[in-house]
Amino acid sequence: MKSHQLVYQILARENDYVSGEKIGEELNLSRTSIWKAIQRLQLEGLEIDSIKNRGYKLIQGDLILPDLIQEKTNLTILYKPETKSTQTDAKKGIEDGNKGNTLYLSTCQTAGRGRFQRPYYSPSQGGIYMSLHIQPNLPYEKLPSYTLLVAAAVYKAIKNLTMIEVDIKWVNDIYFKHKKIAGILTEAMTSVETGLVTDVIIGLGINFSITNFPDDLNEKAGSLFTLPTPISRNELISEIWTCFYKTDPDELLYIYKERSLVLGKEVTFQLDGKEKKGLAKEISNAGQLKVELKDKHTIWLNSGEISLTSW
């Protein structure tokens, strides 16, 4: 690990001020190196107090530690403090021959995108932005419902670490206190020769502790935590992918349906260019939404936009 990461780990484990001398002795660093590490941490958005003759204390904030996440998940972690988009990074990684089970991770995106190429708000502080590349090599009809599985893994990870329960809006959004706190974007690549889906990229953006949103998002977007946060981003990232890989898919599908915001609610949706309404009745294991229309006919929606007309 780099010096600032090692200094951060010491500050994060202590509840009081830590002297520069103590940090230097433990890490075999000079006072100048420690001072530079503190400056780097402050540039990363961490709030660190310093008092003469007492040392340094972490007030709030955390630092992404790729080595720690890699150790806990056994994924290959490719981290950038700032990137255009982790989805773009993953696609570039595939072109470069990177293998599956690689997580592209960042704390800031300059051109993040969600479904339908909509901009995804990704500020420099308080967010988690990551894209997991996997190589299923399966026919399309045999692919697991990755979006559903990841959404349920997010729920389970948050519940495991904090006892907080979030909700899931079909098909790819996580809600907390009636506001969106996370979104999922799954993209697949198919081999022309074999017809198999060779690569899947699962993008996940989480509003971990974002304190300010643009005016057009203020009423819609929220964060999982206010400051100070009870857990670190490293803990949540590691737990999400541990839940994704180690939980039985049937359990994750059950969680997805149990935490659905839409089941039993009236929803509006677009079909053939017309707005329609119906009652959300069921979610299939493939991620389709069964809607009962007013004339009692039922249809299955594969994807697309729906909006709740009642909560």
Protein backbone atom coordinates (compact mmCIF):
# COMPACT_ATOMS: atom_id res chain seq x y z
CA MET A 1 0.00 0.00 0.00
CA LYS A 2 1.00 3.61 -0.49
CA SER A 3 2.00 5.82 2.45
CA HIS A 4 -1.27 7.76 2.58
CA GLN A 5 -3.26 4.53 2.60
CA LEU A 6 -1.23 3.17 5.51
CA VAL A 7 -1.61 6.44 7.43
CA TYR A 8 -5.35 6.36 6.79
CA GLN A 9 -5.63 2.86 8.25
CA ILE A 10 -3.99 4.02 11.47
CA LEU A 11 -6.24 7.08 11.76
CA ALA A 12 -9.36 5.03 10.97
CA ARG A 13 -8.73 2.53 13.78
CA GLU A 14 -8.06 5.18 16.45
CA ASN A 15 -10.75 7.15 18.27
CA ASP A 16 -8.42 9.88 19.49
CA TYR A 17 -5.52 11.93 18.20
CA VAL A 18 -2.44 10.04 17.05
CA SER A 19 0.93 11.72 17.17
CA GLY A 20 3.06 12.00 14.08
CA GLU A 21 5.84 10.35 16.06
CA LYS A 22 3.70 7.26 16.75
CA ILE A 23 2.63 7.01 13.11
CA GLY A 24 6.22 7.42 11.97
CA GLU A 25 7.48 4.70 14.30
CA GLU A 26 4.81 2.23 13.19
CA LEU A 27 5.26 2.86 9.47
CA ASN A 28 8.93 3.83 9.45
CA LEU A 29 8.09 7.16 7.81
CA SER A 30 9.57 10.61 8.29
CA ARG A 31 7.44 13.46 9.62
CA THR A 32 7.60 15.07 6.19
CA SER A 33 6.23 11.90 4.59
CA ILE A 34 3.42 11.78 7.15
CA TRP A 35 2.56 15.42 6.53
CA LYS A 36 2.41 14.77 2.77
CA ALA A 37 0.21 11.72 3.40
CA ILE A 38 -2.18 13.82 5.50
CA GLN A 39 -2.36 16.40 2.73
CA ARG A 40 -3.13 13.66 0.19
CA LEU A 41 -5.92 12.33 2.41
CA GLN A 42 -7.41 15.80 2.73
CA LEU A 43 -7.31 16.17 -1.05
CA GLU A 44 -9.25 12.89 -1.23
CA GLY A 45 -12.01 14.57 0.80
CA LEU A 46 -11.23 13.29 4.30
CA GLU A 47 -11.63 15.71 7.19
CA ILE A 48 -8.59 15.43 9.46
CA ASP A 49 -7.97 17.63 12.50
CA SER A 50 -4.47 18.35 13.75
CA ILE A 51 -3.44 19.77 17.12
CA LYS A 52 0.09 20.67 18.06
CA ASN A 53 1.63 18.18 20.48
CA ARG A 54 -1.35 15.82 20.07
CA GLY A 55 -1.22 14.81 16.43
CA TYR A 56 -3.94 13.94 13.92
CA LYS A 57 -7.51 12.70 14.19
CA LEU A 58 -9.85 11.49 11.45
CA ILE A 59 -13.09 13.46 11.84
CA GLN A 60 -15.04 12.02 8.92
CA GLY A 61 -14.64 10.42 5.52
CA ASP A 62 -13.01 7.25 4.30
CA LEU A 63 -10.53 6.15 1.68
CA ILE A 64 -11.03 3.45 -0.92
CA LEU A 65 -8.46 0.69 -0.34
CA PRO A 66 -8.33 -1.55 -3.44
CA ASP A 67 -5.91 -4.03 -1.84
CA LEU A 68 -8.24 -4.54 1.11
CA ILE A 69 -11.28 -5.07 -1.14
CA GLN A 70 -9.31 -7.50 -3.31
CA GLU A 71 -8.26 -9.47 -0.24
CA LYS A 72 -11.85 -9.76 1.00
CA THR A 73 -13.51 -10.57 -2.33
CA ASN A 74 -10.82 -12.36 -4.36
CA LEU A 75 -11.72 -10.09 -7.27
CA THR A 76 -9.13 -8.29 -9.34
CA ILE A 77 -9.61 -4.62 -8.42
CA LEU A 78 -8.67 -1.89 -10.91
CA TYR A 79 -9.13 1.45 -9.18
CA LYS A 80 -9.03 5.04 -10.39
CA PRO A 81 -9.81 7.96 -8.05
CA GLU A 82 -11.51 9.66 -11.02
CA THR A 83 -12.65 8.23 -14.33
CA LYS A 84 -14.92 9.00 -17.24
CA SER A 85 -17.05 5.94 -16.52
CA THR A 86 -16.36 2.57 -14.93
CA GLN A 87 -18.47 0.97 -17.68
CA THR A 88 -16.12 2.48 -20.23
CA ASP A 89 -13.14 1.24 -18.20
CA ALA A 90 -14.58 -2.28 -18.19
CA LYS A 91 -15.16 -2.24 -21.95
CA LYS A 92 -11.60 -1.05 -22.50
CA GLY A 93 -10.40 -3.80 -20.15
CA ILE A 94 -12.22 -6.42 -22.22
CA GLU A 95 -10.61 -5.06 -25.40
CA ASP A 96 -7.22 -5.31 -23.66
CA GLY A 97 -7.85 -8.96 -22.79
CA ASN A 98 -8.57 -8.63 -19.08
CA LYS A 99 -10.21 -11.71 -17.62
CA GLY A 100 -13.55 -11.87 -15.84
CA ASN A 101 -14.11 -11.34 -12.12
CA THR A 102 -12.49 -7.94 -12.45
CA LEU A 103 -13.99 -4.95 -10.64
CA TYR A 104 -13.43 -1.49 -12.10
CA LEU A 105 -13.82 0.97 -9.27
CA SER A 106 -13.83 4.75 -8.81
CA THR A 107 -15.03 7.45 -6.43
CA CYS A 108 -15.83 9.98 -9.15
CA GLN A 109 -17.10 9.79 -12.74
CA THR A 110 -16.97 12.69 -15.17
CA ALA A 111 -19.34 11.09 -17.71
CA GLY A 112 -21.34 8.49 -15.82
CA ARG A 113 -24.37 7.07 -17.63
CA GLY A 114 -27.41 5.08 -16.57
CA ARG A 115 -30.06 3.31 -18.63
CA PHE A 116 -31.11 4.94 -21.90
CA GLN A 117 -27.80 6.88 -21.81
CA ARG A 118 -29.11 9.24 -19.16
CA PRO A 119 -26.44 11.16 -17.21
CA TYR A 120 -25.69 9.59 -13.82
CA TYR A 121 -24.74 12.10 -11.14
CA SER A 122 -21.31 11.05 -9.86
CA PRO A 123 -19.72 13.80 -7.72
CA SER A 124 -16.20 13.78 -6.35
CA GLN A 125 -17.20 12.97 -2.77
CA GLY A 126 -19.56 10.49 -1.16
CA GLY A 127 -20.23 8.02 -3.98
CA ILE A 128 -19.30 4.51 -5.05
CA TYR A 129 -19.03 3.76 -8.77
CA MET A 130 -18.04 0.30 -9.97
CA SER A 131 -18.47 -2.14 -12.83
CA LEU A 132 -17.99 -5.89 -12.50
CA HIS A 133 -16.84 -7.81 -15.57
CA ILE A 134 -17.78 -11.48 -15.68
CA GLN A 135 -17.52 -14.07 -18.44
CA PRO A 136 -20.56 -16.39 -18.37
CA ASN A 137 -20.14 -17.93 -21.87
CA LEU A 138 -23.80 -18.97 -21.89
CA PRO A 139 -26.67 -18.74 -24.36
CA TYR A 140 -28.71 -15.60 -23.75
CA GLU A 141 -31.74 -17.58 -22.57
CA LYS A 142 -29.65 -19.27 -19.87
CA LEU A 143 -28.13 -16.10 -18.43
CA PRO A 144 -28.89 -15.44 -14.77
CA SER A 145 -30.87 -12.25 -14.07
CA TYR A 146 -27.76 -10.32 -13.08
CA THR A 147 -29.55 -7.03 -12.46
CA LEU A 148 -31.94 -8.69 -10.01
CA LEU A 149 -29.16 -10.62 -8.30
CA VAL A 150 -27.00 -7.53 -7.79
CA ALA A 151 -29.94 -5.47 -6.52
CA ALA A 152 -30.70 -8.16 -3.94
CA ALA A 153 -27.00 -8.39 -3.03
CA VAL A 154 -27.00 -4.64 -2.35
CA TYR A 155 -30.01 -5.05 -0.07
CA LYS A 156 -28.46 -8.00 1.76
CA ALA A 157 -25.08 -6.28 2.19
CA ILE A 158 -26.62 -3.14 3.66
CA LYS A 159 -28.82 -5.19 5.98
CA ASN A 160 -25.88 -7.36 7.09
CA LEU A 161 -23.71 -4.38 7.94
CA THR A 162 -26.20 -1.87 9.32
CA MET A 163 -29.64 -3.51 9.81
CA ILE A 164 -31.00 -0.83 7.44
CA GLU A 165 -33.59 -2.13 4.97
CA VAL A 166 -33.76 -0.61 1.51
CA ASP A 167 -36.31 -1.20 -1.25
CA ILE A 168 -36.02 -2.18 -4.91
CA LYS A 169 -37.87 -0.54 -7.78
CA TRP A 170 -38.21 -2.69 -10.87
CA VAL A 171 -36.01 -3.17 -12.59
CA ASN A 172 -32.72 -1.64 -11.49
CA ASP A 173 -33.05 1.01 -8.78
CA ILE A 174 -32.47 0.91 -5.02
CA TYR A 175 -34.59 3.23 -2.89
CA PHE A 176 -34.29 4.40 0.70
CA LYS A 177 -36.86 6.65 2.37
CA HIS A 178 -38.64 7.08 -0.97
CA LYS A 179 -35.53 8.38 -2.74
CA LYS A 180 -33.22 6.66 -5.20
CA ILE A 181 -29.83 5.86 -3.70
CA ALA A 182 -28.43 3.41 -6.27
CA GLY A 183 -28.81 2.28 -9.86
CA ILE A 184 -27.67 -0.76 -11.83
CA LEU A 185 -26.76 -0.96 -15.52
CA THR A 186 -26.10 -4.39 -17.05
CA GLU A 187 -24.61 -4.75 -20.53
CA ALA A 188 -23.76 -7.94 -22.42
CA MET A 189 -21.51 -8.84 -25.34
CA THR A 190 -22.25 -11.78 -27.63
CA SER A 191 -19.89 -13.76 -29.86
CA VAL A 192 -20.99 -13.73 -33.50
CA GLU A 193 -19.29 -17.07 -34.06
CA THR A 194 -20.78 -19.05 -31.17
CA GLY A 195 -23.88 -17.03 -30.31
CA LEU A 196 -22.87 -17.19 -26.64
CA VAL A 197 -22.85 -14.24 -24.28
CA THR A 198 -19.13 -14.02 -23.62
CA ASP A 199 -18.91 -10.95 -21.39
CA VAL A 200 -21.27 -9.14 -19.03
CA ILE A 201 -20.60 -5.81 -17.34
CA ILE A 202 -22.68 -4.97 -14.28
CA GLY A 203 -22.42 -1.29 -13.40
CA LEU A 204 -23.44 -0.12 -9.95
CA GLY A 205 -23.56 3.45 -8.65
CA ILE A 206 -24.36 4.12 -4.99
CA ASN A 207 -25.03 7.42 -3.24
CA PHE A 208 -23.15 6.46 -0.08
CA SER A 209 -22.94 9.81 1.69
CA ILE A 210 -23.54 12.55 -0.88
CA THR A 211 -24.61 15.70 0.95
CA ASN A 212 -25.72 17.93 -1.92
CA PHE A 213 -27.60 17.20 -5.14
CA PRO A 214 -28.43 19.43 -8.14
CA ASP A 215 -31.82 21.12 -7.96
CA ASP A 216 -33.35 18.76 -10.53
CA LEU A 217 -32.40 15.73 -8.40
CA ASN A 218 -33.11 17.07 -4.92
CA GLU A 219 -36.59 15.59 -4.68
CA LYS A 220 -35.67 12.28 -6.31
CA ALA A 221 -32.18 11.36 -5.12
CA GLY A 222 -30.98 10.55 -1.64
CA SER A 223 -28.05 8.96 0.14
CA LEU A 224 -27.73 5.85 2.22
CA PHE A 225 -26.01 7.78 5.01
CA THR A 226 -25.54 11.25 6.39
CA LEU A 227 -22.17 12.09 7.90
CA PRO A 228 -20.56 10.59 9.89
CA THR A 229 -21.17 7.17 8.35
CA PRO A 230 -21.38 4.01 10.49
CA ILE A 231 -19.43 1.90 7.99
CA SER A 232 -16.81 2.54 5.32
CA ARG A 233 -17.19 2.28 1.58
CA ASN A 234 -14.59 -0.50 1.64
CA GLU A 235 -16.83 -2.56 3.91
CA LEU A 236 -19.92 -2.03 1.76
CA ILE A 237 -18.17 -2.74 -1.54
CA SER A 238 -16.65 -5.94 -0.17
CA GLU A 239 -19.92 -7.13 1.36
CA ILE A 240 -21.96 -6.49 -1.82
CA TRP A 241 -19.76 -8.70 -3.97
CA THR A 242 -19.39 -11.31 -1.25
CA CYS A 243 -23.20 -11.53 -1.11
CA PHE A 244 -23.42 -11.64 -4.91
CA TYR A 245 -20.97 -14.53 -5.26
CA LYS A 246 -21.72 -16.53 -2.13
CA THR A 247 -25.50 -16.29 -1.75
CA ASP A 248 -27.69 -18.86 -3.46
CA PRO A 249 -29.30 -17.20 -6.52
CA ASP A 250 -32.74 -18.43 -5.42
CA GLU A 251 -32.34 -16.58 -2.14
CA LEU A 252 -31.34 -13.39 -3.96
CA LEU A 253 -34.35 -13.66 -6.29
CA TYR A 254 -36.60 -14.16 -3.27
CA ILE A 255 -35.12 -11.04 -1.62
CA TYR A 256 -35.63 -9.03 -4.82
CA LYS A 257 -39.32 -9.88 -4.93
CA GLU A 258 -39.84 -9.41 -1.19
CA ARG A 259 -38.30 -5.93 -1.25
CA SER A 260 -40.06 -4.83 -4.44
CA LEU A 261 -41.65 -1.40 -4.32
CA VAL A 262 -43.97 -2.08 -7.21
CA LEU A 263 -45.71 -5.38 -6.47
CA GLY A 264 -49.32 -4.76 -5.50
CA LYS A 265 -49.10 -1.14 -6.68
CA GLU A 266 -50.66 0.61 -9.65
CA VAL A 267 -48.04 1.50 -12.22
CA THR A 268 -48.03 3.52 -15.40
CA PHE A 269 -45.90 2.54 -18.38
CA GLN A 270 -45.42 3.18 -22.06
CA LEU A 271 -46.54 0.56 -24.56
CA ASP A 272 -46.63 1.12 -28.33
CA GLY A 273 -46.25 4.84 -27.75
CA LYS A 274 -49.25 5.01 -25.42
CA GLU A 275 -49.42 5.45 -21.68
CA LYS A 276 -51.12 2.56 -19.88
CA LYS A 277 -51.91 1.68 -16.29
CA GLY A 278 -52.15 -1.59 -14.47
CA LEU A 279 -51.56 -3.47 -11.25
CA ALA A 280 -48.09 -4.97 -10.77
CA LYS A 281 -48.76 -8.61 -9.91
CA GLU A 282 -45.58 -10.64 -10.21
CA ILE A 283 -41.86 -10.55 -11.06
CA SER A 284 -40.48 -13.56 -12.90
CA ASN A 285 -37.07 -15.08 -12.21
CA ALA A 286 -36.01 -13.66 -15.57
CA GLY A 287 -36.86 -10.15 -14.35
CA GLN A 288 -40.12 -9.61 -16.24
CA LEU A 289 -42.96 -7.70 -14.59
CA LYS A 290 -46.48 -9.07 -14.85
CA VAL A 291 -49.10 -6.32 -15.01
CA GLU A 292 -52.87 -6.74 -14.85
CA LEU A 293 -54.67 -4.15 -16.96
CA LYS A 294 -58.03 -2.64 -16.07
CA ASP A 295 -59.79 -5.06 -18.40
CA LYS A 296 -58.18 -7.92 -16.38
CA HIS A 297 -55.88 -8.92 -19.23
CA THR A 298 -52.29 -9.46 -18.15
CA ILE A 299 -49.07 -8.60 -19.96
CA TRP A 300 -45.40 -9.15 -19.19
CA LEU A 301 -43.08 -6.15 -19.38
CA ASN A 302 -39.49 -7.04 -20.22
CA SER A 303 -37.91 -3.75 -19.34
CA GLY A 304 -38.50 -0.06 -19.63
CA GLU A 305 -39.82 2.75 -17.54
CA ILE A 306 -42.59 2.50 -15.02
CA SER A 307 -43.69 5.05 -12.46
CA LEU A 308 -45.64 4.41 -9.31
CA THR A 309 -48.96 6.21 -9.10
CA SER A 310 -49.21 5.41 -5.38
CA TRP A 311 -46.75 4.43 -2.71
